[in-house]
């Protein structure tokens, strides 16, 4: 996620076996996504799944409530 946002890395990884790793800066990562659209789609799906999981498990009250009425005399001030 930090490669998309430029924010600091928010995760730590520990390899359980010998592993080859590569380091990309943000510009190189974006060029790779342009070159490999399937990688871009896979990462986008992963981020959407994480967002969906996070919002589905959100326990706080919703931030937006929409109230509608067909009554022309409806007093919106009482909800402000």
PDB file of N, CA and C in Angstrom:
ATOM      1  N   UNK A   1       0.820  -1.195   0.000  1.00  0.00           N
ATOM      2  CA  UNK A   1       0.000   0.000   0.000  1.00  0.00           C
ATOM      3  C   UNK A   1       0.857   1.249   0.000  1.00  0.00           C
ATOM      4  N   UNK A   2       2.006   1.194   0.660  1.00  0.00           N
ATOM      5  CA  UNK A   2       2.849   2.381   0.722  1.00  0.00           C
ATOM      6  C   UNK A   2       3.368   2.779  -0.656  1.00  0.00           C
ATOM      7  N   UNK A   3       3.532   1.817  -1.559  1.00  0.00           N
ATOM      8  CA  UNK A   3       3.953   2.159  -2.913  1.00  0.00           C
ATOM      9  C   UNK A   3       2.870   2.925  -3.659  1.00  0.00           C
ATOM     10  N   UNK A   4       1.615   2.661  -3.349  1.00  0.00           N
ATOM     11  CA  UNK A   4       0.512   3.406  -3.960  1.00  0.00           C
ATOM     12  C   UNK A   4       0.378   4.809  -3.354  1.00  0.00           C
ATOM     13  N   UNK A   5       0.577   4.911  -2.044  1.00  0.00           N
ATOM     14  CA  UNK A   5       0.279   6.157  -1.347  1.00  0.00           C
ATOM     15  C   UNK A   5       1.485   7.024  -1.051  1.00  0.00           C
ATOM     16  N   UNK A   6       2.676   6.436  -1.000  1.00  0.00           N
ATOM     17  CA  UNK A   6       3.863   7.175  -0.598  1.00  0.00           C
ATOM     18  C   UNK A   6       4.011   7.270   0.910  1.00  0.00           C
ATOM     19  N   UNK A   7       3.070   6.686   1.642  1.00  0.00           N
ATOM     20  CA  UNK A   7       3.134   6.696   3.103  1.00  0.00           C
ATOM     21  C   UNK A   7       4.101   5.613   3.577  1.00  0.00           C
ATOM     22  N   UNK A   8       4.551   5.703   4.834  1.00  0.00           N
ATOM     23  CA  UNK A   8       5.476   4.691   5.358  1.00  0.00           C
ATOM     24  C   UNK A   8       4.868   3.284   5.325  1.00  0.00           C
ATOM     25  N   UNK A   9       5.730   2.302   5.261  1.00  0.00           N
ATOM     26  CA  UNK A   9       5.306   0.899   5.283  1.00  0.00           C
ATOM     27  C   UNK A   9       4.665   0.604   6.629  1.00  0.00           C
ATOM     28  N   UNK A  10       3.524  -0.093   6.598  1.00  0.00           N
ATOM     29  CA  UNK A  10       2.794  -0.362   7.840  1.00  0.00           C
ATOM     30  C   UNK A  10       2.760  -1.843   8.181  1.00  0.00           C
ATOM     31  N   UNK A  11       3.704  -2.607   7.633  1.00  0.00           N
ATOM     32  CA  UNK A  11       3.697  -4.048   7.893  1.00  0.00           C
ATOM     33  C   UNK A  11       5.129  -4.551   8.019  1.00  0.00           C
ATOM     34  N   UNK A  12       5.274  -5.654   8.709  1.00  0.00           N
ATOM     35  CA  UNK A  12       6.558  -6.336   8.843  1.00  0.00           C
ATOM     36  C   UNK A  12       6.375  -7.761   8.352  1.00  0.00           C
ATOM     37  N   UNK A  13       7.319  -8.245   7.577  1.00  0.00           N
ATOM     38  CA  UNK A  13       7.270  -9.612   7.072  1.00  0.00           C
ATOM     39  C   UNK A  13       8.427 -10.407   7.625  1.00  0.00           C
ATOM     40  N   UNK A  14       8.177 -11.665   7.901  1.00  0.00           N
ATOM     41  CA  UNK A  14       9.218 -12.590   8.336  1.00  0.00           C
ATOM     42  C   UNK A  14       9.145 -13.808   7.435  1.00  0.00           C
ATOM     43  N   UNK A  15      10.251 -14.103   6.739  1.00  0.00           N
ATOM     44  CA  UNK A  15      10.294 -15.256   5.838  1.00  0.00           C
ATOM     45  C   UNK A  15      10.520 -16.531   6.657  1.00  0.00           C
ATOM     46  N   UNK A  16       9.813 -17.588   6.303  1.00  0.00           N
ATOM     47  CA  UNK A  16       9.966 -18.859   7.005  1.00  0.00           C
ATOM     48  C   UNK A  16      10.949 -19.781   6.289  1.00  0.00           C
ATOM     49  N   UNK A  17      11.445 -19.337   5.132  1.00  0.00           N
ATOM     50  CA  UNK A  17      12.458 -20.092   4.397  1.00  0.00           C
ATOM     51  C   UNK A  17      13.297 -19.106   3.590  1.00  0.00           C
ATOM     52  N   UNK A  18      14.384 -19.566   3.007  1.00  0.00           N
ATOM     53  CA  UNK A  18      15.215 -18.703   2.179  1.00  0.00           C
ATOM     54  C   UNK A  18      14.367 -18.053   1.095  1.00  0.00           C
ATOM     55  N   UNK A  19      14.530 -16.755   0.931  1.00  0.00           N
ATOM     56  CA  UNK A  19      13.662 -15.996   0.041  1.00  0.00           C
ATOM     57  C   UNK A  19      14.469 -14.963  -0.730  1.00  0.00           C
ATOM     58  N   UNK A  20      14.199 -14.856  -2.029  1.00  0.00           N
ATOM     59  CA  UNK A  20      14.752 -13.762  -2.822  1.00  0.00           C
ATOM     60  C   UNK A  20      13.801 -12.591  -2.722  1.00  0.00           C
ATOM     61  N   UNK A  21      14.323 -11.427  -2.416  1.00  0.00           N
ATOM     62  CA  UNK A  21      13.480 -10.238  -2.306  1.00  0.00           C
ATOM     63  C   UNK A  21      13.978  -9.163  -3.261  1.00  0.00           C
ATOM     64  N   UNK A  22      13.079  -8.283  -3.643  1.00  0.00           N
ATOM     65  CA  UNK A  22      13.399  -7.176  -4.537  1.00  0.00           C
ATOM     66  C   UNK A  22      12.878  -5.891  -3.916  1.00  0.00           C
ATOM     67  N   UNK A  23      13.589  -4.835  -4.151  1.00  0.00           N
ATOM     68  CA  UNK A  23      13.186  -3.539  -3.623  1.00  0.00           C
ATOM     69  C   UNK A  23      12.878  -2.617  -4.799  1.00  0.00           C
ATOM     70  N   UNK A  24      11.683  -2.039  -4.791  1.00  0.00           N
ATOM     71  CA  UNK A  24      11.263  -1.104  -5.839  1.00  0.00           C
ATOM     72  C   UNK A  24      10.902   0.226  -5.201  1.00  0.00           C
ATOM     73  N   UNK A  25      11.302   1.321  -5.850  1.00  0.00           N
ATOM     74  CA  UNK A  25      10.789   2.608  -5.398  1.00  0.00           C
ATOM     75  C   UNK A  25       9.431   2.837  -6.064  1.00  0.00           C
ATOM     76  N   UNK A  26       8.736   3.874  -5.665  1.00  0.00           N
ATOM     77  CA  UNK A  26       7.391   4.122  -6.158  1.00  0.00           C
ATOM     78  C   UNK A  26       7.310   4.262  -7.666  1.00  0.00           C
ATOM     79  N   UNK A  27       8.261   4.994  -8.278  1.00  0.00           N
ATOM     80  CA  UNK A  27       8.233   5.182  -9.731  1.00  0.00           C
ATOM     81  C   UNK A  27       8.431   3.858 -10.472  1.00  0.00           C
ATOM     82  N   UNK A  28       9.374   3.036 -10.012  1.00  0.00           N
ATOM     83  CA  UNK A  28       9.609   1.736 -10.649  1.00  0.00           C
ATOM     84  C   UNK A  28       8.382   0.837 -10.498  1.00  0.00           C
ATOM     85  N   UNK A  29       7.736   0.910  -9.336  1.00  0.00           N
ATOM     86  CA  UNK A  29       6.541   0.113  -9.099  1.00  0.00           C
ATOM     87  C   UNK A  29       5.416   0.518 -10.059  1.00  0.00           C
ATOM     88  N   UNK A  30       5.211   1.817 -10.241  1.00  0.00           N
ATOM     89  CA  UNK A  30       4.169   2.277 -11.153  1.00  0.00           C
ATOM     90  C   UNK A  30       4.476   1.888 -12.601  1.00  0.00           C
ATOM     91  N   UNK A  31       5.744   1.919 -12.989  1.00  0.00           N
ATOM     92  CA  UNK A  31       6.111   1.464 -14.338  1.00  0.00           C
ATOM     93  C   UNK A  31       5.834  -0.024 -14.498  1.00  0.00           C
ATOM     94  N   UNK A  32       6.105  -0.805 -13.439  1.00  0.00           N
ATOM     95  CA  UNK A  32       5.819  -2.246 -13.475  1.00  0.00           C
ATOM     96  C   UNK A  32       4.323  -2.490 -13.641  1.00  0.00           C
ATOM     97  N   UNK A  33       3.493  -1.733 -12.941  1.00  0.00           N
ATOM     98  CA  UNK A  33       2.042  -1.894 -13.071  1.00  0.00           C
ATOM     99  C   UNK A  33       1.574  -1.558 -14.485  1.00  0.00           C
ATOM    100  N   UNK A  34       2.179  -0.545 -15.106  1.00  0.00           N
ATOM    101  CA  UNK A  34       1.842  -0.208 -16.496  1.00  0.00           C
ATOM    102  C   UNK A  34       2.226  -1.338 -17.441  1.00  0.00           C
ATOM    103  N   UNK A  35       3.357  -1.952 -17.163  1.00  0.00           N
ATOM    104  CA  UNK A  35       3.873  -3.026 -18.022  1.00  0.00           C
ATOM    105  C   UNK A  35       3.125  -4.340 -17.809  1.00  0.00           C
ATOM    106  N   UNK A  36       2.635  -4.571 -16.604  1.00  0.00           N
ATOM    107  CA  UNK A  36       1.973  -5.832 -16.228  1.00  0.00           C
ATOM    108  C   UNK A  36       0.550  -5.544 -15.734  1.00  0.00           C
ATOM    109  N   UNK A  37      -0.411  -5.342 -16.636  1.00  0.00           N
ATOM    110  CA  UNK A  37      -1.771  -4.982 -16.201  1.00  0.00           C
ATOM    111  C   UNK A  37      -2.439  -6.049 -15.324  1.00  0.00           C
ATOM    112  N   UNK A  38      -2.090  -7.304 -15.495  1.00  0.00           N
ATOM    113  CA  UNK A  38      -2.696  -8.344 -14.643  1.00  0.00           C
ATOM    114  C   UNK A  38      -2.251  -8.175 -13.184  1.00  0.00           C
ATOM    115  N   UNK A  39      -1.010  -7.784 -12.983  1.00  0.00           N
ATOM    116  CA  UNK A  39      -0.537  -7.490 -11.625  1.00  0.00           C
ATOM    117  C   UNK A  39      -1.329  -6.312 -11.051  1.00  0.00           C
ATOM    118  N   UNK A  40      -1.532  -5.297 -11.863  1.00  0.00           N
ATOM    119  CA  UNK A  40      -2.314  -4.131 -11.430  1.00  0.00           C
ATOM    120  C   UNK A  40      -3.726  -4.550 -11.033  1.00  0.00           C
ATOM    121  N   UNK A  41      -4.375  -5.378 -11.842  1.00  0.00           N
ATOM    122  CA  UNK A  41      -5.737  -5.846 -11.525  1.00  0.00           C
ATOM    123  C   UNK A  41      -5.744  -6.685 -10.253  1.00  0.00           C
ATOM    124  N   UNK A  42      -4.755  -7.552 -10.086  1.00  0.00           N
ATOM    125  CA  UNK A  42      -4.696  -8.404  -8.890  1.00  0.00           C
ATOM    126  C   UNK A  42      -4.527  -7.570  -7.628  1.00  0.00           C
ATOM    127  N   UNK A  43      -3.653  -6.593  -7.678  1.00  0.00           N
ATOM    128  CA  UNK A  43      -3.453  -5.735  -6.504  1.00  0.00           C
ATOM    129  C   UNK A  43      -4.685  -4.890  -6.218  1.00  0.00           C
ATOM    130  N   UNK A  44      -5.338  -4.417  -7.259  1.00  0.00           N
ATOM    131  CA  UNK A  44      -6.572  -3.645  -7.078  1.00  0.00           C
ATOM    132  C   UNK A  44      -7.645  -4.507  -6.422  1.00  0.00           C
ATOM    133  N   UNK A  45      -7.810  -5.752  -6.884  1.00  0.00           N
ATOM    134  CA  UNK A  45      -8.788  -6.659  -6.260  1.00  0.00           C
ATOM    135  C   UNK A  45      -8.445  -6.906  -4.798  1.00  0.00           C
ATOM    136  N   UNK A  46      -7.154  -7.103  -4.502  1.00  0.00           N
ATOM    137  CA  UNK A  46      -6.726  -7.326  -3.128  1.00  0.00           C
ATOM    138  C   UNK A  46      -7.077  -6.128  -2.245  1.00  0.00           C
ATOM    139  N   UNK A  47      -6.792  -4.926  -2.722  1.00  0.00           N
ATOM    140  CA  UNK A  47      -7.104  -3.731  -1.936  1.00  0.00           C
ATOM    141  C   UNK A  47      -8.604  -3.556  -1.749  1.00  0.00           C
ATOM    142  N   UNK A  48      -9.388  -3.837  -2.781  1.00  0.00           N
ATOM    143  CA  UNK A  48     -10.850  -3.749  -2.669  1.00  0.00           C
ATOM    144  C   UNK A  48     -11.363  -4.770  -1.659  1.00  0.00           C
ATOM    145  N   UNK A  49     -10.841  -5.996  -1.711  1.00  0.00           N
ATOM    146  CA  UNK A  49     -11.255  -7.021  -0.746  1.00  0.00           C
ATOM    147  C   UNK A  49     -10.932  -6.593   0.678  1.00  0.00           C
ATOM    148  N   UNK A  50      -9.747  -6.014   0.891  1.00  0.00           N
ATOM    149  CA  UNK A  50      -9.371  -5.553   2.230  1.00  0.00           C
ATOM    150  C   UNK A  50     -10.288  -4.425   2.690  1.00  0.00           C
ATOM    151  N   UNK A  51     -10.588  -3.493   1.804  1.00  0.00           N
ATOM    152  CA  UNK A  51     -11.482  -2.395   2.146  1.00  0.00           C
ATOM    153  C   UNK A  51     -12.877  -2.920   2.463  1.00  0.00           C
ATOM    154  N   UNK A  52     -13.365  -3.849   1.643  1.00  0.00           N
ATOM    155  CA  UNK A  52     -14.693  -4.430   1.876  1.00  0.00           C
ATOM    156  C   UNK A  52     -14.731  -5.156   3.219  1.00  0.00           C
ATOM    157  N   UNK A  53     -13.695  -5.921   3.515  1.00  0.00           N
ATOM    158  CA  UNK A  53     -13.635  -6.637   4.791  1.00  0.00           C
ATOM    159  C   UNK A  53     -13.610  -5.646   5.955  1.00  0.00           C
ATOM    160  N   UNK A  54     -12.829  -4.584   5.803  1.00  0.00           N
ATOM    161  CA  UNK A  54     -12.721  -3.584   6.870  1.00  0.00           C
ATOM    162  C   UNK A  54     -14.057  -2.892   7.109  1.00  0.00           C
ATOM    163  N   UNK A  55     -14.724  -2.480   6.044  1.00  0.00           N
ATOM    164  CA  UNK A  55     -15.992  -1.772   6.224  1.00  0.00           C
ATOM    165  C   UNK A  55     -17.106  -2.698   6.676  1.00  0.00           C
ATOM    166  N   UNK A  56     -17.050  -3.958   6.271  1.00  0.00           N
ATOM    167  CA  UNK A  56     -18.065  -4.924   6.705  1.00  0.00           C
ATOM    168  C   UNK A  56     -17.935  -5.183   8.197  1.00  0.00           C
ATOM    169  N   UNK A  57     -16.724  -5.127   8.731  1.00  0.00           N
ATOM    170  CA  UNK A  57     -16.494  -5.409  10.144  1.00  0.00           C
ATOM    171  C   UNK A  57     -16.409  -4.148  10.987  1.00  0.00           C
ATOM    172  N   UNK A  58     -16.736  -3.028  10.402  1.00  0.00           N
ATOM    173  CA  UNK A  58     -16.705  -1.753  11.108  1.00  0.00           C
ATOM    174  C   UNK A  58     -17.782  -1.766  12.190  1.00  0.00           C
ATOM    175  N   UNK A  59     -17.426  -1.342  13.395  1.00  0.00           N
ATOM    176  CA  UNK A  59     -18.386  -1.380  14.502  1.00  0.00           C
ATOM    177  C   UNK A  59     -18.917   0.002  14.851  1.00  0.00           C
ATOM    178  N   UNK A  60     -18.354   1.052  14.293  1.00  0.00           N
ATOM    179  CA  UNK A  60     -18.837   2.388  14.644  1.00  0.00           C
ATOM    180  C   UNK A  60     -20.101   2.730  13.866  1.00  0.00           C
ATOM    181  N   UNK A  61     -20.763   3.776  14.293  1.00  0.00           N
ATOM    182  CA  UNK A  61     -21.984   4.241  13.633  1.00  0.00           C
ATOM    183  C   UNK A  61     -21.658   4.741  12.231  1.00  0.00           C
ATOM    184  N   UNK A  62     -22.600   4.639  11.302  1.00  0.00           N
ATOM    185  CA  UNK A  62     -22.354   5.169   9.958  1.00  0.00           C
ATOM    186  C   UNK A  62     -22.149   6.676  10.008  1.00  0.00           C
ATOM    187  N   UNK A  63     -21.350   7.199   9.081  1.00  0.00           N
ATOM    188  CA  UNK A  63     -21.043   8.607   9.061  1.00  0.00           C
ATOM    189  C   UNK A  63     -22.064   9.439   8.297  1.00  0.00           C
ATOM    190  N   UNK A  64     -22.997   8.806   7.625  1.00  0.00           N
ATOM    191  CA  UNK A  64     -23.956   9.543   6.807  1.00  0.00           C
ATOM    192  C   UNK A  64     -25.325   8.901   6.958  1.00  0.00           C
ATOM    193  N   UNK A  65     -26.313   9.747   7.167  1.00  0.00           N
ATOM    194  CA  UNK A  65     -27.702   9.292   7.220  1.00  0.00           C
ATOM    195  C   UNK A  65     -28.492  10.151   6.253  1.00  0.00           C
ATOM    196  N   UNK A  66     -29.301   9.534   5.413  1.00  0.00           N
ATOM    197  CA  UNK A  66     -30.134  10.260   4.462  1.00  0.00           C
ATOM    198  C   UNK A  66     -31.583  10.084   4.873  1.00  0.00           C
ATOM    199  N   UNK A  67     -32.294  11.214   5.026  1.00  0.00           N
ATOM    200  CA  UNK A  67     -33.703  11.190   5.405  1.00  0.00           C
ATOM    201  C   UNK A  67     -34.491  11.803   4.261  1.00  0.00           C
ATOM    202  N   UNK A  68     -35.509  11.110   3.821  1.00  0.00           N
ATOM    203  CA  UNK A  68     -36.340  11.642   2.749  1.00  0.00           C
ATOM    204  C   UNK A  68     -37.788  11.681   3.202  1.00  0.00           C
ATOM    205  N   UNK A  69     -38.545  12.571   2.574  1.00  0.00           N
ATOM    206  CA  UNK A  69     -39.955  12.676   2.901  1.00  0.00           C
ATOM    207  C   UNK A  69     -40.697  13.213   1.687  1.00  0.00           C
ATOM    208  N   UNK A  70     -41.908  12.712   1.477  1.00  0.00           N
ATOM    209  CA  UNK A  70     -42.751  13.240   0.409  1.00  0.00           C
ATOM    210  C   UNK A  70     -43.643  14.373   0.928  1.00  0.00           C
ATOM    211  N   UNK A  71     -43.583  14.614   2.235  1.00  0.00           N
ATOM    212  CA  UNK A  71     -44.374  15.653   2.862  1.00  0.00           C
ATOM    213  C   UNK A  71     -43.712  17.011   2.615  1.00  0.00           C
ATOM    214  N   UNK A  72     -44.408  17.911   1.903  1.00  0.00           N
ATOM    215  CA  UNK A  72     -43.832  19.222   1.583  1.00  0.00           C
ATOM    216  C   UNK A  72     -43.648  20.083   2.832  1.00  0.00           C
ATOM    217  N   UNK A  73     -44.372  19.785   3.899  1.00  0.00           N
ATOM    218  CA  UNK A  73     -44.259  20.555   5.138  1.00  0.00           C
ATOM    219  C   UNK A  73     -43.208  19.961   6.086  1.00  0.00           C
ATOM    220  N   UNK A  74     -42.428  19.021   5.590  1.00  0.00           N
ATOM    221  CA  UNK A  74     -41.397  18.361   6.377  1.00  0.00           C
ATOM    222  C   UNK A  74     -40.406  19.400   6.906  1.00  0.00           C
ATOM    223  N   UNK A  75     -40.175  19.402   8.207  1.00  0.00           N
ATOM    224  CA  UNK A  75     -39.298  20.389   8.820  1.00  0.00           C
ATOM    225  C   UNK A  75     -37.893  19.803   8.987  1.00  0.00           C
ATOM    226  N   UNK A  76     -37.024  20.128   8.037  1.00  0.00           N
ATOM    227  CA  UNK A  76     -35.668  19.588   8.070  1.00  0.00           C
ATOM    228  C   UNK A  76     -34.883  20.117   9.267  1.00  0.00           C
ATOM    229  N   UNK A  77     -35.251  21.275   9.787  1.00  0.00           N
ATOM    230  CA  UNK A  77     -34.514  21.884  10.905  1.00  0.00           C
ATOM    231  C   UNK A  77     -34.471  20.978  12.131  1.00  0.00           C
ATOM    232  N   UNK A  78     -35.499  20.167  12.336  1.00  0.00           N
ATOM    233  CA  UNK A  78     -35.521  19.299  13.508  1.00  0.00           C
ATOM    234  C   UNK A  78     -34.446  18.219  13.462  1.00  0.00           C
ATOM    235  N   UNK A  79     -33.862  17.974  12.285  1.00  0.00           N
ATOM    236  CA  UNK A  79     -32.824  16.962  12.157  1.00  0.00           C
ATOM    237  C   UNK A  79     -31.428  17.551  12.070  1.00  0.00           C
ATOM    238  N   UNK A  80     -31.343  18.873  12.070  1.00  0.00           N
ATOM    239  CA  UNK A  80     -30.044  19.534  11.925  1.00  0.00           C
ATOM    240  C   UNK A  80     -29.296  19.565  13.226  1.00  0.00           C
TER     241      UNK A  80
END
